[in-house]
Amino acid sequence: MWKLGQFNIEGKVVLAPMAGITSAGYRKYLNTFGVDVCVSEMVSDMGLIYQNKETESYVTYEKDETLTGVQLFGAKPENIAKAAAVSLTLNPCIDFFDVNMGCPVPKVTKTGAGSALMLNPTLCGEIIKAIKSVTDKPVTAKIRLGYNEVNFLDVIKELENSGVDAIAIHARTRKELYMGEPHFDLLKDLRSKMKVPLIVSGNIYTLDDAINALEITGADAVMVARGGMGNPFLIKQIKTYFETGERLPNPSFEEQCNYCLELAKSMCEEKGELTAMRIYRGIAPKFFSGFANSRTLRTILATSLTDYQSLVRILDEFKKENIKF
């Protein structure tokens, strides 16, 4: 068990924030596989301050039983704090706030936000203090190894001194983006050197990836991001293993079809069919990436989805062909 502020967390699975992906509908379905903590897609501080309706929709989700936080991004403590306060007027049920200090995308870093914040560890701490001054909700931060240089220990020190409640770290620098292997070796036994809970992230695609990351770092939890896209059952595999020691087998083609359809339903309910299926062209093919002879199916899913029934029809046609997956 680990603690996030006043909350006791039993398990080790955190659903990562992913821009354009981890919307309320996506989280709602993946949570059913046993997510312990989940985080919204990143939310612009200025979008909330200027009352942008699309931005506001990211924080006005319907609460379920899974502990859920809103991830804010920005570069100025006073603005992020104001955005946190605005968020709570829109949705008092937000469980905690997370600050994006790890996004490597240039359109974010060029504003001084995301992983660019790690260039100034003191500023990272000031942001945590600012949010803490406007709410008693827990505040977490998601960081990387560093911007260009590895300086995560300096950032962690400032965050802890500023009252952060937990820290998630992606085991790459900003410069590496999402390429190459994550450097969990640089995080060896990191949890033993920290005062607050540690969540680790980076290439968690299989149960063994999760076991390896936790064993090396001593972290309290792993963050499932791209590895859960198209494979929500990974969450159940990780959760079951750490609760019982049992290794659940990977899902069959038929099971993946069912998961794909159920997630699509959840996203359609949230966004409407046209918008959801446009996004789903990038998600649906991932459900079948591990199967032999699935290239044609993945190509069709990436190019031909228009509405929910088109997804049903495509999957039914492939089932009828009795292709050996």
Foldseek 3Di string as FASTA:
>chain_A
DFDQQPDDFDFFEEAEADPPQQALLLCVLLVVLPHQEYEYHEAELVCLVVVPPVSLNRLQHDDDPHQYAYEYKDAALQSLLVSLLSSCVNPVPRQAYEYACAQLDVVRVVRCIHVSVQVPLLSLLSNLLSNVVNDVHAYEYEYECHAPDRDVVSNLVSNVVSPHAEYEYEQDHSVCRQDDFRPLQVQFCVVVVHDHAYEYEHPPQALVVFVVSCNRNVGRHYHDYPSCQLQSNRSNQNRCCVVPVDGDDGDDPVVSLVSLLSSLVSQCVVPNFQVSLLSCLVRSLSNCVVDPPCPVLNVCSNPPRGGSVVSVVSSVVVVVVVDDD
